[in-house]
Amino acid sequence: MKIYVAENSVILSGKAWEIKRKLAEYSRTHTLMAEWIESIHTKGEKAPKKHQSLS
């Protein structure tokens, strides 16, 4: 599974079950996608950035 983070969007690519699991994981801490994106950028990370999940 791969997660691509841009300034105003997030792209998840992978198998359907991987994406559903990752969204469930992030939904525990963030209600809205906008909150998730904002939290990524406030940690000092520069956009665009490619994240890879280890799961």
N, C-alpha and C. Protein backbone atom coordinates (compact mmCIF):
# COMPACT_ATOMS: atom_id res chain seq x y z
N MET A 1 0.84 -1.17 0.00
CA MET A 1 0.00 0.00 0.00
C MET A 1 0.88 1.23 0.00
N LYS A 2 0.43 2.24 -0.74
CA LYS A 2 1.16 3.51 -0.79
C LYS A 2 0.20 4.65 -0.48
N ILE A 3 0.73 5.66 0.22
CA ILE A 3 -0.04 6.85 0.55
C ILE A 3 0.75 8.05 0.03
N TYR A 4 0.12 8.83 -0.84
CA TYR A 4 0.73 10.03 -1.39
C TYR A 4 0.04 11.23 -0.78
N VAL A 5 0.81 12.13 -0.19
CA VAL A 5 0.26 13.31 0.47
C VAL A 5 0.66 14.55 -0.32
N ALA A 6 -0.34 15.31 -0.78
CA ALA A 6 -0.11 16.58 -1.44
C ALA A 6 -0.58 17.69 -0.50
N GLU A 7 -0.55 18.91 -0.97
CA GLU A 7 -0.92 20.02 -0.10
C GLU A 7 -2.38 19.96 0.34
N ASN A 8 -3.28 19.60 -0.58
CA ASN A 8 -4.71 19.59 -0.26
C ASN A 8 -5.38 18.25 -0.51
N SER A 9 -4.61 17.19 -0.65
CA SER A 9 -5.23 15.90 -0.94
C SER A 9 -4.35 14.76 -0.45
N VAL A 10 -4.96 13.60 -0.39
CA VAL A 10 -4.27 12.37 -0.05
C VAL A 10 -4.73 11.31 -1.04
N ILE A 11 -3.78 10.55 -1.58
CA ILE A 11 -4.11 9.47 -2.51
C ILE A 11 -3.65 8.18 -1.87
N LEU A 12 -4.59 7.24 -1.74
CA LEU A 12 -4.28 5.92 -1.21
C LEU A 12 -4.33 4.94 -2.37
N SER A 13 -3.27 4.14 -2.53
CA SER A 13 -3.28 3.13 -3.57
C SER A 13 -2.90 1.80 -2.94
N GLY A 14 -3.65 0.79 -3.32
CA GLY A 14 -3.41 -0.53 -2.78
C GLY A 14 -4.65 -1.38 -2.97
N LYS A 15 -4.68 -2.49 -2.31
CA LYS A 15 -5.84 -3.37 -2.39
C LYS A 15 -6.96 -2.78 -1.55
N ALA A 16 -8.19 -3.12 -1.92
CA ALA A 16 -9.36 -2.54 -1.25
C ALA A 16 -9.32 -2.76 0.26
N TRP A 17 -8.95 -3.97 0.69
CA TRP A 17 -8.93 -4.25 2.12
C TRP A 17 -7.85 -3.43 2.83
N GLU A 18 -6.73 -3.14 2.17
CA GLU A 18 -5.68 -2.32 2.77
C GLU A 18 -6.14 -0.88 2.96
N ILE A 19 -6.83 -0.36 1.95
CA ILE A 19 -7.33 1.02 2.02
C ILE A 19 -8.39 1.14 3.10
N LYS A 20 -9.31 0.18 3.16
CA LYS A 20 -10.35 0.21 4.20
C LYS A 20 -9.73 0.15 5.59
N ARG A 21 -8.72 -0.68 5.77
CA ARG A 21 -8.06 -0.80 7.07
C ARG A 21 -7.35 0.49 7.45
N LYS A 22 -6.67 1.10 6.47
CA LYS A 22 -5.94 2.35 6.74
C LYS A 22 -6.91 3.49 7.07
N LEU A 23 -8.04 3.57 6.34
CA LEU A 23 -9.04 4.60 6.63
C LEU A 23 -9.64 4.39 8.02
N ALA A 24 -9.88 3.15 8.39
CA ALA A 24 -10.40 2.87 9.74
C ALA A 24 -9.40 3.29 10.80
N GLU A 25 -8.12 3.04 10.54
CA GLU A 25 -7.07 3.44 11.48
C GLU A 25 -7.03 4.95 11.66
N TYR A 26 -7.07 5.69 10.55
CA TYR A 26 -7.03 7.15 10.64
C TYR A 26 -8.32 7.74 11.18
N SER A 27 -9.44 7.05 11.00
CA SER A 27 -10.72 7.57 11.51
C SER A 27 -10.78 7.54 13.03
N ARG A 28 -9.92 6.79 13.66
CA ARG A 28 -9.89 6.77 15.14
C ARG A 28 -9.39 8.09 15.71
N THR A 29 -8.54 8.78 14.96
CA THR A 29 -7.97 10.03 15.48
C THR A 29 -8.46 11.27 14.75
N HIS A 30 -8.99 11.13 13.54
CA HIS A 30 -9.43 12.27 12.75
C HIS A 30 -10.83 12.02 12.21
N THR A 31 -11.72 12.98 12.42
CA THR A 31 -13.08 12.87 11.93
C THR A 31 -13.17 13.20 10.45
N LEU A 32 -12.44 14.23 10.02
CA LEU A 32 -12.48 14.69 8.64
C LEU A 32 -11.12 14.49 7.97
N MET A 33 -11.15 14.28 6.65
CA MET A 33 -9.91 14.18 5.89
C MET A 33 -9.10 15.47 6.01
N ALA A 34 -9.79 16.61 6.05
CA ALA A 34 -9.11 17.90 6.17
C ALA A 34 -8.29 17.95 7.47
N GLU A 35 -8.81 17.38 8.55
CA GLU A 35 -8.06 17.34 9.82
C GLU A 35 -6.82 16.48 9.68
N TRP A 36 -6.95 15.35 8.98
CA TRP A 36 -5.82 14.45 8.77
C TRP A 36 -4.72 15.14 7.97
N ILE A 37 -5.10 15.79 6.88
CA ILE A 37 -4.14 16.49 6.02
C ILE A 37 -3.47 17.62 6.80
N GLU A 38 -4.26 18.36 7.56
CA GLU A 38 -3.70 19.46 8.36
C GLU A 38 -2.71 18.93 9.40
N SER A 39 -3.02 17.81 10.04
CA SER A 39 -2.12 17.27 11.04
C SER A 39 -0.80 16.81 10.42
N ILE A 40 -0.85 16.33 9.20
CA ILE A 40 0.37 15.92 8.50
C ILE A 40 1.25 17.13 8.25
N HIS A 41 0.65 18.22 7.78
CA HIS A 41 1.42 19.41 7.43
C HIS A 41 1.91 20.18 8.66
N THR A 42 1.22 20.08 9.78
CA THR A 42 1.64 20.81 10.98
C THR A 42 2.78 20.10 11.69
N LYS A 43 3.09 18.87 11.31
CA LYS A 43 4.21 18.15 11.91
C LYS A 43 5.53 18.53 11.27
N GLY A 44 5.50 19.49 10.33
CA GLY A 44 6.73 19.95 9.72
C GLY A 44 7.11 19.23 8.46
N GLU A 45 6.25 18.34 7.96
CA GLU A 45 6.55 17.62 6.73
C GLU A 45 6.25 18.51 5.54
N LYS A 46 7.03 18.39 4.51
CA LYS A 46 6.84 19.16 3.29
C LYS A 46 5.99 18.37 2.31
N ALA A 47 5.11 19.03 1.58
CA ALA A 47 4.29 18.38 0.55
C ALA A 47 4.92 18.63 -0.81
N PRO A 48 4.77 17.80 -1.78
CA PRO A 48 4.21 16.45 -1.70
C PRO A 48 5.23 15.47 -1.13
N LYS A 49 4.72 14.47 -0.47
CA LYS A 49 5.58 13.46 0.12
C LYS A 49 4.94 12.10 -0.08
N LYS A 50 5.76 11.10 -0.29
CA LYS A 50 5.26 9.76 -0.50
C LYS A 50 5.50 8.97 0.77
N HIS A 51 4.42 8.41 1.33
CA HIS A 51 4.50 7.57 2.52
C HIS A 51 4.26 6.13 2.10
N GLN A 52 4.95 5.21 2.70
CA GLN A 52 4.68 3.81 2.45
C GLN A 52 4.37 3.13 3.76
N SER A 53 3.31 2.37 3.72
CA SER A 53 2.90 1.65 4.91
C SER A 53 3.69 0.35 4.99
N LEU A 54 3.98 -0.07 6.19
CA LEU A 54 4.70 -1.32 6.37
C LEU A 54 3.77 -2.50 6.51
N SER A 55 2.47 -2.25 6.62
CA SER A 55 1.53 -3.35 6.81
C SER A 55 1.11 -3.97 5.52
